[in-house]
């Protein structure tokens, strides 16, 4: 069983660009509500902005309308997190701050990202474990 998780936009990008790999497994498991996923409005807007970049749309062979459908599906299964306290700026990338803020405000156990290096010092301060998609899949597949 996977703990309460926040997915970084890089995981969603990898999931739509390739139908193989841990990111796709994590996304499908989230859509099937196999573990609790947390998201905030600012994080969802950032994911939309990143996923609709022309290079990602082209590589994935999808349209902005397809991204909207995916994000609508994700919005149905996530636990909505209200940002009641801002933690900006904490990280070098303002986009990463949105991910961390969602995790902190939502009491996430883990943050799933490929960008461990930039998140770890700050996330550890809040007791949030940073895991790669591959590590998250192993945890998801491990019986409780």
Protein backbone atom coordinates (compact mmCIF):
# COMPACT_ATOMS: atom_id res chain seq x y z
CA UNK A 1 0.00 0.00 0.00
CA UNK A 2 1.24 3.43 -0.88
CA UNK A 3 1.03 6.22 1.67
CA UNK A 4 -0.71 9.57 1.12
CA UNK A 5 1.12 10.93 -1.89
CA UNK A 6 1.65 14.06 -3.93
CA UNK A 7 2.75 13.52 -7.52
CA UNK A 8 5.18 15.99 -9.06
CA UNK A 9 4.33 17.15 -12.57
CA UNK A 10 7.44 15.37 -13.90
CA UNK A 11 5.79 12.06 -12.99
CA UNK A 12 2.67 12.97 -14.98
CA UNK A 13 4.80 14.08 -17.94
CA UNK A 14 6.64 10.76 -17.94
CA UNK A 15 3.33 8.89 -17.61
CA UNK A 16 1.79 10.52 -20.70
CA UNK A 17 4.97 10.39 -22.77
CA UNK A 18 5.46 6.64 -22.28
CA UNK A 19 2.96 3.84 -21.77
CA UNK A 20 5.65 1.80 -20.05
CA UNK A 21 7.39 2.53 -16.83
CA UNK A 22 6.75 3.31 -13.22
CA UNK A 23 5.19 6.71 -13.82
CA UNK A 24 2.40 5.18 -15.92
CA UNK A 25 1.82 2.50 -13.27
CA UNK A 26 1.58 5.15 -10.54
CA UNK A 27 -0.80 7.29 -12.62
CA UNK A 28 -3.09 4.34 -13.39
CA UNK A 29 -3.09 3.27 -9.74
CA UNK A 30 -4.02 6.84 -8.77
CA UNK A 31 -6.87 6.91 -11.28
CA UNK A 32 -8.07 3.57 -9.90
CA UNK A 33 -7.98 5.10 -6.39
CA UNK A 34 -5.58 2.39 -5.19
CA UNK A 35 -3.83 4.90 -2.93
CA UNK A 36 -4.61 8.40 -1.65
CA UNK A 37 -3.34 11.21 -3.89
CA UNK A 38 -3.38 14.81 -2.75
CA UNK A 39 -3.61 17.84 -5.02
CA UNK A 40 -4.24 21.55 -4.71
CA UNK A 41 -5.63 23.98 -7.26
CA UNK A 42 -2.21 25.64 -7.76
CA UNK A 43 -0.59 22.24 -8.31
CA UNK A 44 -3.25 21.15 -10.80
CA UNK A 45 -2.80 24.42 -12.72
CA UNK A 46 0.95 23.89 -12.78
CA UNK A 47 0.46 20.33 -14.08
CA UNK A 48 -1.79 21.66 -16.83
CA UNK A 49 0.80 24.27 -17.77
CA UNK A 50 3.60 21.71 -17.92
CA UNK A 51 1.63 18.96 -19.68
CA UNK A 52 0.40 21.30 -22.41
CA UNK A 53 3.86 22.44 -23.43
CA UNK A 54 4.22 21.76 -27.16
CA UNK A 55 7.19 19.41 -26.71
CA UNK A 56 5.23 17.19 -24.30
CA UNK A 57 2.09 17.16 -26.43
CA UNK A 58 4.09 16.22 -29.49
CA UNK A 59 6.14 13.53 -27.74
CA UNK A 60 3.03 12.00 -26.19
CA UNK A 61 0.93 12.31 -29.35
CA UNK A 62 -1.87 14.01 -27.45
CA UNK A 63 -3.70 17.32 -27.56
CA UNK A 64 -4.38 19.98 -24.96
CA UNK A 65 -7.96 18.65 -24.89
CA UNK A 66 -6.60 15.20 -23.98
CA UNK A 67 -4.64 16.78 -21.13
CA UNK A 68 -7.82 18.46 -19.89
CA UNK A 69 -9.63 15.09 -19.88
CA UNK A 70 -6.76 13.48 -17.95
CA UNK A 71 -6.63 16.27 -15.38
CA UNK A 72 -10.42 16.12 -14.96
CA UNK A 73 -10.10 12.39 -14.25
CA UNK A 74 -7.32 13.02 -11.76
CA UNK A 75 -9.39 15.75 -10.07
CA UNK A 76 -12.17 13.23 -9.46
CA UNK A 77 -9.94 10.88 -7.45
CA UNK A 78 -7.62 13.23 -5.56
CA UNK A 79 -8.09 14.52 -2.07
CA UNK A 80 -8.34 18.29 -2.55
CA UNK A 81 -5.90 20.22 -0.42
CA UNK A 82 -6.55 23.80 0.59
CA UNK A 83 -3.37 25.82 0.83
CA UNK A 84 -3.69 27.52 4.18
CA UNK A 85 -0.02 28.34 4.65
CA UNK A 86 2.44 29.30 1.92
CA UNK A 87 5.98 27.92 2.05
CA UNK A 88 7.38 30.07 -0.75
CA UNK A 89 10.10 30.48 -1.62
CA UNK A 90 11.65 27.33 -0.21
CA UNK A 91 13.05 25.58 -3.28
CA UNK A 92 15.08 26.86 -6.24
CA UNK A 93 12.21 26.17 -8.69
CA UNK A 94 8.94 28.02 -7.98
CA UNK A 95 7.04 25.11 -9.58
CA UNK A 96 8.56 22.76 -7.04
CA UNK A 97 7.34 25.06 -4.27
CA UNK A 98 3.75 24.35 -5.37
CA UNK A 99 4.36 20.62 -5.05
CA UNK A 100 5.96 20.97 -1.62
CA UNK A 101 3.21 23.31 -0.39
CA UNK A 102 0.57 20.79 -1.36
CA UNK A 103 2.44 18.01 0.42
CA UNK A 104 2.97 20.05 3.59
CA UNK A 105 -0.55 21.46 3.77
CA UNK A 106 -2.06 18.05 3.03
CA UNK A 107 0.05 16.10 5.49
CA UNK A 108 1.46 13.89 2.74
CA UNK A 109 3.64 10.96 3.68
CA UNK A 110 5.50 10.86 0.38
CA UNK A 111 6.23 13.06 -2.60
CA UNK A 112 6.77 11.15 -5.84
CA UNK A 113 9.26 12.82 -8.18
CA UNK A 114 12.31 12.29 -10.35
CA UNK A 115 13.76 15.43 -8.79
CA UNK A 116 14.82 14.05 -5.41
CA UNK A 117 17.87 16.25 -5.07
CA UNK A 118 16.00 19.56 -5.08
CA UNK A 119 13.21 18.39 -2.76
CA UNK A 120 14.99 16.33 -0.12
CA UNK A 121 16.41 18.92 2.27
CA UNK A 122 13.17 20.89 2.53
CA UNK A 123 10.82 17.91 2.49
CA UNK A 124 12.76 16.13 5.23
CA UNK A 125 12.27 19.20 7.42
CA UNK A 126 8.52 18.54 7.18
CA UNK A 127 8.78 14.77 7.58
CA UNK A 128 7.89 14.04 3.96
CA UNK A 129 9.73 11.21 2.25
CA UNK A 130 10.86 11.78 -1.33
CA UNK A 131 10.55 8.72 -3.57
CA UNK A 132 11.04 8.01 -7.25
CA UNK A 133 8.19 6.53 -9.27
CA UNK A 134 9.98 3.15 -9.31
CA UNK A 135 10.22 3.16 -5.51
CA UNK A 136 6.56 4.17 -5.26
CA UNK A 137 5.56 1.23 -7.47
CA UNK A 138 7.50 -1.19 -5.25
CA UNK A 139 5.69 0.22 -2.20
CA UNK A 140 2.34 0.03 -3.98
CA UNK A 141 2.90 -3.63 -4.83
CA UNK A 142 4.07 -4.57 -1.33
CA UNK A 143 1.22 -6.03 0.76
CA UNK A 144 0.45 -4.07 3.91
